[in-house]
Amino acid sequence: MMDEKTMVFSGATKNPYLFTIYPWDSSLVSYGAVYVVLRRNRFGYSILYVGRTGELRPHLANHPLSRAFSEAGRTHVGVHIEPVISRRYAKQMDLVMNFAPDLNAGGEIGADR
């Protein structure tokens, strides 16, 4: 896609994770991944939520927090492909511990399905 780019987000452990950034309405393939819901403004990107899933496209399409993502002004999604479930969990928790996104505050929602 022409509008994609990559960014590195580091977790609380300082481990860097490379994410490919896509506009929210992009057609994504269904991979196992850690993902970040982002809001872009003139200063850059804010992480609204960090999640993980075994099938990215259907997971995001039917996410229980879809309305909250819209209300928070989501504009992009960052995707970090990770096929191993235990690694997805560890990476998600590492990123949540570092960024403490507001929409992750209610606990873990939308785990691997």
N, C-alpha and C. Protein backbone atom coordinates (compact mmCIF):
# COMPACT_ATOMS: atom_id res chain seq x y z
N MET A 1 0.84 -1.19 0.00
CA MET A 1 0.00 0.00 0.00
C MET A 1 0.87 1.24 0.00
N MET A 2 0.42 2.25 -0.63
CA MET A 2 1.22 3.46 -0.75
C MET A 2 1.28 4.26 0.54
N ASP A 3 0.23 4.16 1.38
CA ASP A 3 0.16 5.01 2.56
C ASP A 3 0.69 4.31 3.81
N GLU A 4 1.38 3.18 3.65
CA GLU A 4 1.87 2.50 4.83
C GLU A 4 3.29 2.93 5.17
N LYS A 5 3.62 2.81 6.43
CA LYS A 5 4.98 3.09 6.87
C LYS A 5 5.24 2.23 8.10
N THR A 6 6.46 2.25 8.58
CA THR A 6 6.78 1.47 9.76
C THR A 6 7.21 2.38 10.90
N MET A 7 6.95 1.90 12.11
CA MET A 7 7.37 2.61 13.32
C MET A 7 7.79 1.56 14.34
N VAL A 8 8.67 1.95 15.22
CA VAL A 8 9.08 1.07 16.31
C VAL A 8 8.49 1.60 17.61
N PHE A 9 7.80 0.71 18.32
CA PHE A 9 7.30 1.02 19.66
C PHE A 9 8.01 0.08 20.62
N SER A 10 8.52 0.61 21.71
CA SER A 10 9.22 -0.22 22.68
C SER A 10 8.35 -0.48 23.90
N GLY A 11 8.51 -1.67 24.45
CA GLY A 11 7.76 -2.04 25.64
C GLY A 11 8.45 -1.58 26.91
N ALA A 12 7.87 -1.94 28.05
CA ALA A 12 8.44 -1.59 29.35
C ALA A 12 9.81 -2.22 29.53
N THR A 13 10.05 -3.34 28.86
CA THR A 13 11.34 -4.03 28.94
C THR A 13 12.40 -3.38 28.03
N LYS A 14 11.99 -2.37 27.30
CA LYS A 14 12.82 -1.67 26.30
C LYS A 14 13.00 -2.48 25.02
N ASN A 15 12.34 -3.63 24.91
CA ASN A 15 12.37 -4.40 23.66
C ASN A 15 11.66 -3.61 22.58
N PRO A 16 12.28 -3.43 21.42
CA PRO A 16 11.64 -2.70 20.32
C PRO A 16 10.82 -3.65 19.45
N TYR A 17 9.64 -3.19 19.05
CA TYR A 17 8.77 -3.97 18.16
C TYR A 17 8.45 -3.13 16.93
N LEU A 18 8.69 -3.71 15.76
CA LEU A 18 8.44 -3.01 14.50
C LEU A 18 6.99 -3.21 14.07
N PHE A 19 6.29 -2.13 13.85
CA PHE A 19 4.90 -2.15 13.41
C PHE A 19 4.79 -1.51 12.03
N THR A 20 3.96 -2.10 11.18
CA THR A 20 3.60 -1.46 9.92
C THR A 20 2.31 -0.70 10.18
N ILE A 21 2.29 0.56 9.79
CA ILE A 21 1.16 1.45 10.07
C ILE A 21 0.28 1.56 8.83
N TYR A 22 -1.02 1.32 9.02
CA TYR A 22 -1.98 1.38 7.92
C TYR A 22 -3.12 2.34 8.29
N PRO A 23 -3.69 3.02 7.31
CA PRO A 23 -4.91 3.77 7.58
C PRO A 23 -5.97 2.80 8.11
N TRP A 24 -6.83 3.28 9.01
CA TRP A 24 -7.79 2.41 9.69
C TRP A 24 -8.64 1.58 8.72
N ASP A 25 -9.05 2.14 7.61
CA ASP A 25 -9.98 1.45 6.71
C ASP A 25 -9.27 0.56 5.69
N SER A 26 -7.98 0.26 5.90
CA SER A 26 -7.24 -0.61 4.97
C SER A 26 -7.76 -2.04 5.03
N SER A 27 -7.63 -2.75 3.93
CA SER A 27 -7.95 -4.17 3.91
C SER A 27 -6.72 -4.94 4.40
N LEU A 28 -6.83 -5.48 5.58
CA LEU A 28 -5.71 -6.20 6.18
C LEU A 28 -5.90 -7.70 6.01
N VAL A 29 -4.79 -8.40 5.90
CA VAL A 29 -4.86 -9.86 5.83
C VAL A 29 -4.97 -10.43 7.24
N SER A 30 -5.45 -11.63 7.34
CA SER A 30 -5.66 -12.25 8.65
C SER A 30 -4.44 -13.01 9.11
N TYR A 31 -3.61 -12.33 9.86
CA TYR A 31 -2.43 -12.94 10.47
C TYR A 31 -2.59 -12.92 11.98
N GLY A 32 -1.79 -13.74 12.64
CA GLY A 32 -1.64 -13.59 14.08
C GLY A 32 -0.77 -12.37 14.31
N ALA A 33 -1.20 -11.49 15.18
CA ALA A 33 -0.48 -10.22 15.33
C ALA A 33 -0.75 -9.57 16.68
N VAL A 34 0.19 -8.71 17.04
CA VAL A 34 -0.04 -7.71 18.07
C VAL A 34 -0.37 -6.45 17.28
N TYR A 35 -1.35 -5.68 17.73
CA TYR A 35 -1.72 -4.47 16.99
C TYR A 35 -1.92 -3.31 17.93
N VAL A 36 -1.74 -2.12 17.41
CA VAL A 36 -2.00 -0.90 18.16
C VAL A 36 -3.01 -0.06 17.38
N VAL A 37 -4.02 0.40 18.09
CA VAL A 37 -4.99 1.32 17.51
C VAL A 37 -4.43 2.71 17.76
N LEU A 38 -4.29 3.49 16.69
CA LEU A 38 -3.61 4.78 16.76
C LEU A 38 -4.51 5.95 16.38
N ARG A 39 -4.19 7.09 16.95
CA ARG A 39 -4.81 8.36 16.53
C ARG A 39 -3.66 9.25 16.08
N ARG A 40 -3.77 9.74 14.86
CA ARG A 40 -2.73 10.63 14.33
C ARG A 40 -3.20 12.07 14.43
N ASN A 41 -2.29 12.93 14.86
CA ASN A 41 -2.55 14.36 14.86
C ASN A 41 -1.31 15.07 14.36
N ARG A 42 -1.26 16.36 14.46
CA ARG A 42 -0.13 17.09 13.89
C ARG A 42 1.18 16.82 14.62
N PHE A 43 1.12 16.22 15.80
CA PHE A 43 2.33 15.93 16.57
C PHE A 43 2.83 14.51 16.35
N GLY A 44 2.02 13.68 15.73
CA GLY A 44 2.42 12.28 15.53
C GLY A 44 1.27 11.34 15.87
N TYR A 45 1.61 10.19 16.44
CA TYR A 45 0.63 9.16 16.76
C TYR A 45 0.50 8.97 18.26
N SER A 46 -0.73 8.73 18.70
CA SER A 46 -1.00 8.34 20.08
C SER A 46 -1.54 6.92 20.05
N ILE A 47 -1.09 6.09 20.98
CA ILE A 47 -1.60 4.73 21.09
C ILE A 47 -2.86 4.74 21.95
N LEU A 48 -3.97 4.31 21.35
CA LEU A 48 -5.23 4.26 22.06
C LEU A 48 -5.48 2.90 22.71
N TYR A 49 -4.93 1.84 22.10
CA TYR A 49 -5.19 0.48 22.56
C TYR A 49 -4.12 -0.44 22.00
N VAL A 50 -3.72 -1.43 22.79
CA VAL A 50 -2.82 -2.48 22.34
C VAL A 50 -3.55 -3.80 22.47
N GLY A 51 -3.63 -4.55 21.37
CA GLY A 51 -4.33 -5.82 21.40
C GLY A 51 -3.54 -6.91 20.72
N ARG A 52 -4.11 -8.11 20.73
CA ARG A 52 -3.50 -9.24 20.05
C ARG A 52 -4.60 -10.13 19.51
N THR A 53 -4.30 -10.85 18.46
CA THR A 53 -5.30 -11.71 17.85
C THR A 53 -4.64 -12.77 16.97
N GLY A 54 -5.35 -13.85 16.75
CA GLY A 54 -4.89 -14.87 15.83
C GLY A 54 -5.34 -14.61 14.41
N GLU A 55 -6.36 -13.75 14.24
CA GLU A 55 -6.89 -13.41 12.91
C GLU A 55 -7.24 -11.94 12.87
N LEU A 56 -6.35 -11.16 12.33
CA LEU A 56 -6.44 -9.71 12.42
C LEU A 56 -7.70 -9.10 11.81
N ARG A 57 -8.00 -9.41 10.56
CA ARG A 57 -9.10 -8.74 9.88
C ARG A 57 -10.45 -8.96 10.58
N PRO A 58 -10.88 -10.22 10.82
CA PRO A 58 -12.19 -10.40 11.48
C PRO A 58 -12.19 -9.88 12.92
N HIS A 59 -11.05 -9.95 13.59
CA HIS A 59 -10.98 -9.47 14.96
C HIS A 59 -11.26 -7.97 15.04
N LEU A 60 -10.60 -7.20 14.18
CA LEU A 60 -10.82 -5.75 14.19
C LEU A 60 -12.22 -5.39 13.71
N ALA A 61 -12.73 -6.13 12.72
CA ALA A 61 -14.06 -5.83 12.17
C ALA A 61 -15.15 -6.02 13.21
N ASN A 62 -14.94 -6.92 14.17
CA ASN A 62 -15.97 -7.24 15.17
C ASN A 62 -15.51 -6.95 16.59
N HIS A 63 -14.59 -6.03 16.74
CA HIS A 63 -14.01 -5.76 18.06
C HIS A 63 -15.04 -5.17 19.02
N PRO A 64 -15.06 -5.66 20.27
CA PRO A 64 -16.02 -5.11 21.24
C PRO A 64 -15.78 -3.64 21.58
N LEU A 65 -14.61 -3.13 21.29
CA LEU A 65 -14.32 -1.72 21.57
C LEU A 65 -14.37 -0.84 20.32
N SER A 66 -14.97 -1.33 19.24
CA SER A 66 -15.02 -0.55 17.99
C SER A 66 -15.57 0.85 18.20
N ARG A 67 -16.65 0.95 18.95
CA ARG A 67 -17.26 2.27 19.19
C ARG A 67 -16.31 3.17 19.99
N ALA A 68 -15.67 2.58 20.99
CA ALA A 68 -14.71 3.36 21.79
C ALA A 68 -13.54 3.82 20.93
N PHE A 69 -13.09 2.97 20.00
CA PHE A 69 -12.01 3.37 19.10
C PHE A 69 -12.44 4.59 18.28
N SER A 70 -13.66 4.53 17.73
CA SER A 70 -14.18 5.66 16.93
C SER A 70 -14.28 6.92 17.77
N GLU A 71 -14.85 6.78 18.97
CA GLU A 71 -15.03 7.94 19.85
C GLU A 71 -13.69 8.56 20.26
N ALA A 72 -12.66 7.73 20.33
CA ALA A 72 -11.33 8.22 20.71
C ALA A 72 -10.58 8.81 19.52
N GLY A 73 -11.18 8.73 18.32
CA GLY A 73 -10.59 9.36 17.15
C GLY A 73 -9.58 8.52 16.40
N ARG A 74 -9.72 7.21 16.46
CA ARG A 74 -8.76 6.33 15.79
C ARG A 74 -8.63 6.67 14.30
N THR A 75 -7.39 6.64 13.82
CA THR A 75 -7.14 6.94 12.40
C THR A 75 -6.33 5.85 11.71
N HIS A 76 -5.53 5.10 12.49
CA HIS A 76 -4.61 4.12 11.91
C HIS A 76 -4.54 2.88 12.81
N VAL A 77 -4.02 1.82 12.23
CA VAL A 77 -3.72 0.61 13.00
C VAL A 77 -2.29 0.20 12.68
N GLY A 78 -1.56 -0.14 13.71
CA GLY A 78 -0.19 -0.63 13.55
C GLY A 78 -0.19 -2.13 13.76
N VAL A 79 0.50 -2.85 12.89
CA VAL A 79 0.47 -4.31 12.91
C VAL A 79 1.88 -4.86 13.08
N HIS A 80 2.04 -5.71 14.07
CA HIS A 80 3.29 -6.43 14.31
C HIS A 80 2.96 -7.92 14.20
N ILE A 81 3.37 -8.54 13.10
CA ILE A 81 3.06 -9.95 12.87
C ILE A 81 3.79 -10.82 13.89
N GLU A 82 3.03 -11.69 14.55
CA GLU A 82 3.61 -12.63 15.51
C GLU A 82 2.76 -13.90 15.52
N PRO A 83 3.27 -14.99 14.93
CA PRO A 83 2.48 -16.21 14.83
C PRO A 83 2.33 -16.99 16.13
N VAL A 84 3.22 -16.78 17.11
CA VAL A 84 3.21 -17.57 18.33
C VAL A 84 2.36 -16.90 19.41
N ILE A 85 1.33 -17.60 19.88
CA ILE A 85 0.37 -17.03 20.84
C ILE A 85 1.07 -16.51 22.09
N SER A 86 1.97 -17.29 22.68
CA SER A 86 2.62 -16.87 23.92
C SER A 86 3.46 -15.61 23.71
N ARG A 87 4.06 -15.47 22.55
CA ARG A 87 4.84 -14.25 22.26
C ARG A 87 3.92 -13.06 22.04
N ARG A 88 2.75 -13.28 21.39
CA ARG A 88 1.78 -12.18 21.23
C ARG A 88 1.38 -11.65 22.60
N TYR A 89 1.08 -12.55 23.50
CA TYR A 89 0.66 -12.15 24.85
C TYR A 89 1.76 -11.35 25.54
N ALA A 90 3.00 -11.86 25.50
CA ALA A 90 4.11 -11.19 26.16
C ALA A 90 4.36 -9.81 25.56
N LYS A 91 4.32 -9.71 24.25
CA LYS A 91 4.55 -8.42 23.59
C LYS A 91 3.43 -7.43 23.89
N GLN A 92 2.18 -7.91 23.87
CA GLN A 92 1.06 -7.04 24.19
C GLN A 92 1.22 -6.49 25.61
N MET A 93 1.50 -7.35 26.57
CA MET A 93 1.63 -6.91 27.96
C MET A 93 2.80 -5.95 28.13
N ASP A 94 3.91 -6.21 27.43
CA ASP A 94 5.08 -5.33 27.49
C ASP A 94 4.72 -3.93 27.02
N LEU A 95 3.99 -3.85 25.91
CA LEU A 95 3.59 -2.55 25.36
C LEU A 95 2.55 -1.86 26.25
N VAL A 96 1.60 -2.62 26.78
CA VAL A 96 0.59 -2.03 27.67
C VAL A 96 1.26 -1.47 28.92
N MET A 97 2.23 -2.19 29.46
CA MET A 97 2.93 -1.71 30.65
C MET A 97 3.68 -0.41 30.38
N ASN A 98 4.20 -0.25 29.18
CA ASN A 98 4.95 0.96 28.84
C ASN A 98 4.04 2.14 28.53
N PHE A 99 3.01 1.91 27.71
CA PHE A 99 2.19 3.02 27.22
C PHE A 99 0.92 3.26 28.04
N ALA A 100 0.43 2.25 28.76
CA ALA A 100 -0.79 2.35 29.56
C ALA A 100 -1.92 3.06 28.81
N PRO A 101 -2.31 2.53 27.62
CA PRO A 101 -3.37 3.20 26.86
C PRO A 101 -4.69 3.21 27.63
N ASP A 102 -5.42 4.31 27.51
CA ASP A 102 -6.68 4.45 28.23
C ASP A 102 -7.65 3.30 27.97
N LEU A 103 -7.73 2.84 26.73
CA LEU A 103 -8.71 1.81 26.39
C LEU A 103 -8.28 0.41 26.85
N ASN A 104 -7.06 0.25 27.35
CA ASN A 104 -6.65 -1.01 27.96
C ASN A 104 -6.89 -1.00 29.47
N ALA A 105 -7.35 0.13 29.99
CA ALA A 105 -7.48 0.28 31.44
C ALA A 105 -8.50 -0.66 32.06
N GLY A 106 -9.50 -1.07 31.30
CA GLY A 106 -10.52 -1.96 31.85
C GLY A 106 -10.08 -3.41 31.87
N GLY A 107 -8.82 -3.67 31.68
CA GLY A 107 -8.33 -5.03 31.64
C GLY A 107 -8.17 -5.48 30.21
N GLU A 108 -7.88 -6.72 30.06
CA GLU A 108 -7.57 -7.27 28.76
C GLU A 108 -8.86 -7.64 28.03
N ILE A 109 -9.09 -7.07 26.88
CA ILE A 109 -10.30 -7.33 26.10
C ILE A 109 -9.88 -7.78 24.72
N GLY A 110 -10.59 -8.76 24.19
CA GLY A 110 -10.34 -9.16 22.81
C GLY A 110 -9.07 -9.95 22.62
N ALA A 111 -8.84 -10.92 23.49
CA ALA A 111 -7.65 -11.76 23.35
C ALA A 111 -7.76 -12.67 22.15
N ASP A 112 -6.76 -13.51 21.95
CA ASP A 112 -6.72 -14.41 20.78
C ASP A 112 -8.01 -15.20 20.64
N ARG A 113 -8.59 -15.08 19.43
CA ARG A 113 -9.80 -15.83 19.11
C ARG A 113 -9.61 -16.48 17.78
